[in-house]
């Protein structure tokens, strides 16, 4: 799981959904670079169109946060917003899409 210190706070959230967008097979990642950050800040947004029930949305959100937690050392210091495109998602699918984005 991704520690709380790596998550975007609510007051910063609306501004960071705009940035450089990367489209994977299963997720869309928006990255807004900020040199003032000490560590990356991440958010996962699951739309009602993707998953109708709160249980399904929270499950997807937890899966993506777990994948981000594994990759946090390879992520640049930026605001990162992840938008899953469909459910159900497998851990490998999420990891492959995120690795493509952050493969520097």
C-alpha atoms as a PDB file:
ATOM      1  CA  UNK A   1       0.000   0.000   0.000  1.00  0.00           C
ATOM      2  CA  UNK A   2       1.121   3.522  -0.681  1.00  0.00           C
ATOM      3  CA  UNK A   3       1.987   5.479   2.492  1.00  0.00           C
ATOM      4  CA  UNK A   4      -0.112   8.547   3.301  1.00  0.00           C
ATOM      5  CA  UNK A   5       2.869  10.873   2.748  1.00  0.00           C
ATOM      6  CA  UNK A   6       2.821   9.919  -0.946  1.00  0.00           C
ATOM      7  CA  UNK A   7      -0.837  10.846  -1.508  1.00  0.00           C
ATOM      8  CA  UNK A   8      -2.224  14.102  -2.882  1.00  0.00           C
ATOM      9  CA  UNK A   9      -4.030  16.254  -0.337  1.00  0.00           C
ATOM     10  CA  UNK A  10      -7.569  17.421  -1.089  1.00  0.00           C
ATOM     11  CA  UNK A  11      -6.605  21.088  -1.436  1.00  0.00           C
ATOM     12  CA  UNK A  12      -4.077  20.327  -4.220  1.00  0.00           C
ATOM     13  CA  UNK A  13      -6.239  17.810  -6.034  1.00  0.00           C
ATOM     14  CA  UNK A  14      -8.243  19.824  -8.614  1.00  0.00           C
ATOM     15  CA  UNK A  15      -5.152  21.498 -10.057  1.00  0.00           C
ATOM     16  CA  UNK A  16      -3.163  18.311 -10.552  1.00  0.00           C
ATOM     17  CA  UNK A  17      -5.600  16.488 -12.808  1.00  0.00           C
ATOM     18  CA  UNK A  18      -4.195  18.548 -15.694  1.00  0.00           C
ATOM     19  CA  UNK A  19      -0.734  17.755 -16.962  1.00  0.00           C
ATOM     20  CA  UNK A  20       1.076  15.450 -19.329  1.00  0.00           C
ATOM     21  CA  UNK A  21      -1.163  12.476 -20.037  1.00  0.00           C
ATOM     22  CA  UNK A  22      -0.026   8.910 -20.751  1.00  0.00           C
ATOM     23  CA  UNK A  23      -2.517   6.359 -22.037  1.00  0.00           C
ATOM     24  CA  UNK A  24      -1.960   2.694 -21.264  1.00  0.00           C
ATOM     25  CA  UNK A  25      -4.099  -0.297 -22.121  1.00  0.00           C
ATOM     26  CA  UNK A  26      -5.875  -0.267 -18.755  1.00  0.00           C
ATOM     27  CA  UNK A  27      -5.115   3.072 -17.064  1.00  0.00           C
ATOM     28  CA  UNK A  28      -4.577   6.715 -17.971  1.00  0.00           C
ATOM     29  CA  UNK A  29      -1.860   8.490 -16.008  1.00  0.00           C
ATOM     30  CA  UNK A  30      -1.622  12.279 -15.704  1.00  0.00           C
ATOM     31  CA  UNK A  31       1.723  13.626 -14.494  1.00  0.00           C
ATOM     32  CA  UNK A  32       2.303  17.220 -13.419  1.00  0.00           C
ATOM     33  CA  UNK A  33       5.975  17.789 -12.605  1.00  0.00           C
ATOM     34  CA  UNK A  34       6.920  19.968  -9.646  1.00  0.00           C
ATOM     35  CA  UNK A  35      10.558  20.419  -8.598  1.00  0.00           C
ATOM     36  CA  UNK A  36       9.546  21.675  -5.140  1.00  0.00           C
ATOM     37  CA  UNK A  37       8.218  18.257  -4.084  1.00  0.00           C
ATOM     38  CA  UNK A  38      10.349  16.064  -1.829  1.00  0.00           C
ATOM     39  CA  UNK A  39       8.600  12.879  -2.934  1.00  0.00           C
ATOM     40  CA  UNK A  40       5.958  11.935  -5.516  1.00  0.00           C
ATOM     41  CA  UNK A  41       2.299  12.573  -4.677  1.00  0.00           C
ATOM     42  CA  UNK A  42      -0.268  10.168  -6.120  1.00  0.00           C
ATOM     43  CA  UNK A  43      -4.039   9.938  -6.455  1.00  0.00           C
ATOM     44  CA  UNK A  44      -6.308   7.293  -7.959  1.00  0.00           C
ATOM     45  CA  UNK A  45      -9.661   8.349  -9.397  1.00  0.00           C
ATOM     46  CA  UNK A  46     -12.187   5.654 -10.320  1.00  0.00           C
ATOM     47  CA  UNK A  47     -15.255   6.917 -12.137  1.00  0.00           C
ATOM     48  CA  UNK A  48     -18.809   5.700 -11.644  1.00  0.00           C
ATOM     49  CA  UNK A  49     -18.763   4.842 -15.345  1.00  0.00           C
ATOM     50  CA  UNK A  50     -15.921   2.394 -14.772  1.00  0.00           C
ATOM     51  CA  UNK A  51     -17.356   0.685 -11.683  1.00  0.00           C
ATOM     52  CA  UNK A  52     -20.935   1.191 -10.556  1.00  0.00           C
ATOM     53  CA  UNK A  53     -20.632   0.103  -6.940  1.00  0.00           C
ATOM     54  CA  UNK A  54     -18.470   1.654  -4.238  1.00  0.00           C
ATOM     55  CA  UNK A  55     -17.106  -1.785  -3.392  1.00  0.00           C
ATOM     56  CA  UNK A  56     -15.771  -2.251  -6.929  1.00  0.00           C
ATOM     57  CA  UNK A  57     -14.354   1.297  -7.078  1.00  0.00           C
ATOM     58  CA  UNK A  58     -12.552   0.868  -3.753  1.00  0.00           C
ATOM     59  CA  UNK A  59     -11.149  -2.520  -4.802  1.00  0.00           C
ATOM     60  CA  UNK A  60      -9.669  -1.004  -7.967  1.00  0.00           C
ATOM     61  CA  UNK A  61      -8.341   1.977  -5.995  1.00  0.00           C
ATOM     62  CA  UNK A  62      -6.586  -0.340  -3.519  1.00  0.00           C
ATOM     63  CA  UNK A  63      -5.073  -2.400  -6.355  1.00  0.00           C
ATOM     64  CA  UNK A  64      -3.640   0.694  -8.041  1.00  0.00           C
ATOM     65  CA  UNK A  65      -2.294   2.106  -4.760  1.00  0.00           C
ATOM     66  CA  UNK A  66      -0.598  -1.243  -4.090  1.00  0.00           C
ATOM     67  CA  UNK A  67       1.062  -1.140  -7.519  1.00  0.00           C
ATOM     68  CA  UNK A  68       2.167   2.459  -6.980  1.00  0.00           C
ATOM     69  CA  UNK A  69       3.608   1.465  -3.608  1.00  0.00           C
ATOM     70  CA  UNK A  70       5.845  -1.088  -5.322  1.00  0.00           C
ATOM     71  CA  UNK A  71       7.025   1.428  -7.921  1.00  0.00           C
ATOM     72  CA  UNK A  72       7.391   4.474  -5.656  1.00  0.00           C
ATOM     73  CA  UNK A  73      11.215   4.423  -5.856  1.00  0.00           C
ATOM     74  CA  UNK A  74      11.080   4.723  -9.674  1.00  0.00           C
ATOM     75  CA  UNK A  75       8.506   7.517  -9.784  1.00  0.00           C
ATOM     76  CA  UNK A  76       9.726  11.094 -10.334  1.00  0.00           C
ATOM     77  CA  UNK A  77       8.855  13.893  -7.906  1.00  0.00           C
ATOM     78  CA  UNK A  78       5.569  14.946  -9.454  1.00  0.00           C
ATOM     79  CA  UNK A  79       1.832  14.949  -8.920  1.00  0.00           C
ATOM     80  CA  UNK A  80       0.498  11.717 -10.410  1.00  0.00           C
ATOM     81  CA  UNK A  81      -3.185  11.034 -11.055  1.00  0.00           C
ATOM     82  CA  UNK A  82      -4.215   7.551 -12.190  1.00  0.00           C
ATOM     83  CA  UNK A  83      -7.547   6.929 -13.901  1.00  0.00           C
ATOM     84  CA  UNK A  84      -8.381   3.214 -14.421  1.00  0.00           C
ATOM     85  CA  UNK A  85     -10.240   2.641 -17.689  1.00  0.00           C
ATOM     86  CA  UNK A  86     -12.008  -0.626 -16.958  1.00  0.00           C
ATOM     87  CA  UNK A  87     -12.643  -3.286 -14.372  1.00  0.00           C
ATOM     88  CA  UNK A  88     -11.811  -5.961 -13.406  1.00  0.00           C
ATOM     89  CA  UNK A  89      -8.084  -5.285 -13.416  1.00  0.00           C
ATOM     90  CA  UNK A  90      -5.289  -7.680 -12.580  1.00  0.00           C
ATOM     91  CA  UNK A  91      -2.193  -6.610 -10.671  1.00  0.00           C
ATOM     92  CA  UNK A  92       0.050  -7.460 -13.646  1.00  0.00           C
ATOM     93  CA  UNK A  93      -2.007  -5.279 -15.995  1.00  0.00           C
ATOM     94  CA  UNK A  94      -1.714  -2.284 -13.700  1.00  0.00           C
ATOM     95  CA  UNK A  95       2.010  -2.838 -13.125  1.00  0.00           C
ATOM     96  CA  UNK A  96       2.720  -3.139 -16.865  1.00  0.00           C
ATOM     97  CA  UNK A  97       0.931   0.122 -17.654  1.00  0.00           C
ATOM     98  CA  UNK A  98       2.628   2.005 -14.803  1.00  0.00           C
ATOM     99  CA  UNK A  99       6.055   0.616 -15.719  1.00  0.00           C
ATOM    100  CA  UNK A 100       5.586   1.848 -19.284  1.00  0.00           C
ATOM    101  CA  UNK A 101       4.933   5.355 -18.007  1.00  0.00           C
ATOM    102  CA  UNK A 102       7.777   5.473 -15.457  1.00  0.00           C
ATOM    103  CA  UNK A 103      10.432   3.430 -17.272  1.00  0.00           C
ATOM    104  CA  UNK A 104      13.047   6.215 -17.376  1.00  0.00           C
END
